[in-house]
Amino acid sequence: MFCAEPPDSDEAIELIPAVVVEILSPGYEDKDLGPDGAPFYLTYGVRDVVVFDPRQKEE
C-alpha cells in the first residue's frame, strides 16, 4: 500500500510501499513468516507489515 498513488508507468515501480499485507498461505507459513516475509520488507524500508491468517476466525 502506498501513501500516494504511484505514477503511471509501463516500467517496474521502484517506490517503497508504506505497508505490505502478507496473507499466510496453507503450507507456506514458514516461508511467509520467515526471513523472506516481514523481515525482508522491513529491511528494505517498508514501515509496517500486516500479517493476515485467513484461517483464524476473528472479526
C-alpha atoms as a PDB file:
ATOM      1  CA  MET A   1       0.000   0.000   0.000  1.00  0.00           C
ATOM      2  CA  PHE A   2       1.307   3.370  -0.971  1.00  0.00           C
ATOM      3  CA  CYS A   3       0.536   6.655   0.804  1.00  0.00           C
ATOM      4  CA  ALA A   4       0.143   8.310  -2.592  1.00  0.00           C
ATOM      5  CA  GLU A   5      -0.710   6.801  -5.960  1.00  0.00           C
ATOM      6  CA  PRO A   6       2.469   5.847  -7.845  1.00  0.00           C
ATOM      7  CA  PRO A   7       2.979   7.464 -11.235  1.00  0.00           C
ATOM      8  CA  ASP A   8       1.624   5.638 -14.281  1.00  0.00           C
ATOM      9  CA  SER A   9       4.403   3.739 -15.993  1.00  0.00           C
ATOM     10  CA  ASP A  10       4.960   0.653 -18.089  1.00  0.00           C
ATOM     11  CA  GLU A  11       8.182   0.032 -16.143  1.00  0.00           C
ATOM     12  CA  ALA A  12       8.585  -1.630 -12.752  1.00  0.00           C
ATOM     13  CA  ILE A  13       7.756   0.606  -9.785  1.00  0.00           C
ATOM     14  CA  GLU A  14      10.822   1.420  -7.699  1.00  0.00           C
ATOM     15  CA  LEU A  15       8.940   3.117  -4.851  1.00  0.00           C
ATOM     16  CA  ILE A  16       8.905   1.526  -1.405  1.00  0.00           C
ATOM     17  CA  PRO A  17       5.348   0.905  -0.166  1.00  0.00           C
ATOM     18  CA  ALA A  18       4.330   2.210   3.259  1.00  0.00           C
ATOM     19  CA  VAL A  19       2.620  -1.076   4.198  1.00  0.00           C
ATOM     20  CA  VAL A  20       2.763  -4.656   2.946  1.00  0.00           C
ATOM     21  CA  VAL A  21      -0.092  -7.060   3.680  1.00  0.00           C
ATOM     22  CA  GLU A  22       1.182 -10.643   3.960  1.00  0.00           C
ATOM     23  CA  ILE A  23      -1.593 -13.228   3.651  1.00  0.00           C
ATOM     24  CA  LEU A  24      -0.487 -16.591   5.034  1.00  0.00           C
ATOM     25  CA  SER A  25      -0.837 -19.439   2.571  1.00  0.00           C
ATOM     26  CA  PRO A  26      -1.554 -23.004   3.725  1.00  0.00           C
ATOM     27  CA  GLY A  27       1.681 -24.980   3.611  1.00  0.00           C
ATOM     28  CA  TYR A  28       3.828 -21.856   3.211  1.00  0.00           C
ATOM     29  CA  GLU A  29       3.575 -20.400   6.726  1.00  0.00           C
ATOM     30  CA  ASP A  30       7.290 -20.901   7.426  1.00  0.00           C
ATOM     31  CA  LYS A  31       8.202 -19.011   4.251  1.00  0.00           C
ATOM     32  CA  ASP A  32       5.586 -16.295   4.798  1.00  0.00           C
ATOM     33  CA  LEU A  33       6.716 -15.722   8.401  1.00  0.00           C
ATOM     34  CA  GLY A  34      10.416 -16.425   7.866  1.00  0.00           C
ATOM     35  CA  PRO A  35      13.256 -14.256   6.572  1.00  0.00           C
ATOM     36  CA  ASP A  36      11.542 -13.811   3.187  1.00  0.00           C
ATOM     37  CA  GLY A  37       8.458 -12.333   4.867  1.00  0.00           C
ATOM     38  CA  ALA A  38       8.235  -9.360   7.238  1.00  0.00           C
ATOM     39  CA  PRO A  39      11.988  -9.102   7.987  1.00  0.00           C
ATOM     40  CA  PHE A  40      12.734  -8.809   4.256  1.00  0.00           C
ATOM     41  CA  TYR A  41      10.231  -5.994   3.753  1.00  0.00           C
ATOM     42  CA  LEU A  42      11.322  -4.114   6.881  1.00  0.00           C
ATOM     43  CA  THR A  43      14.993  -4.311   5.852  1.00  0.00           C
ATOM     44  CA  TYR A  44      14.166  -2.509   2.606  1.00  0.00           C
ATOM     45  CA  GLY A  45      12.313   0.353   4.254  1.00  0.00           C
ATOM     46  CA  VAL A  46       8.685  -0.742   4.398  1.00  0.00           C
ATOM     47  CA  ARG A  47       7.293   0.941   7.518  1.00  0.00           C
ATOM     48  CA  ASP A  48       4.789  -1.728   8.518  1.00  0.00           C
ATOM     49  CA  VAL A  49       3.881  -5.319   7.655  1.00  0.00           C
ATOM     50  CA  VAL A  50       0.408  -6.669   8.403  1.00  0.00           C
ATOM     51  CA  VAL A  51       0.219 -10.467   8.593  1.00  0.00           C
ATOM     52  CA  PHE A  52      -3.225 -11.960   7.999  1.00  0.00           C
ATOM     53  CA  ASP A  53      -4.126 -15.601   8.565  1.00  0.00           C
ATOM     54  CA  PRO A  54      -7.422 -16.256   6.731  1.00  0.00           C
ATOM     55  CA  ARG A  55      -7.991 -19.450   8.738  1.00  0.00           C
ATOM     56  CA  GLN A  56      -8.374 -17.533  12.003  1.00  0.00           C
ATOM     57  CA  LYS A  57     -11.998 -16.909  12.919  1.00  0.00           C
ATOM     58  CA  GLU A  58     -11.514 -13.357  14.224  1.00  0.00           C
ATOM     59  CA  GLU A  59     -13.709 -10.449  13.215  1.00  0.00           C
END
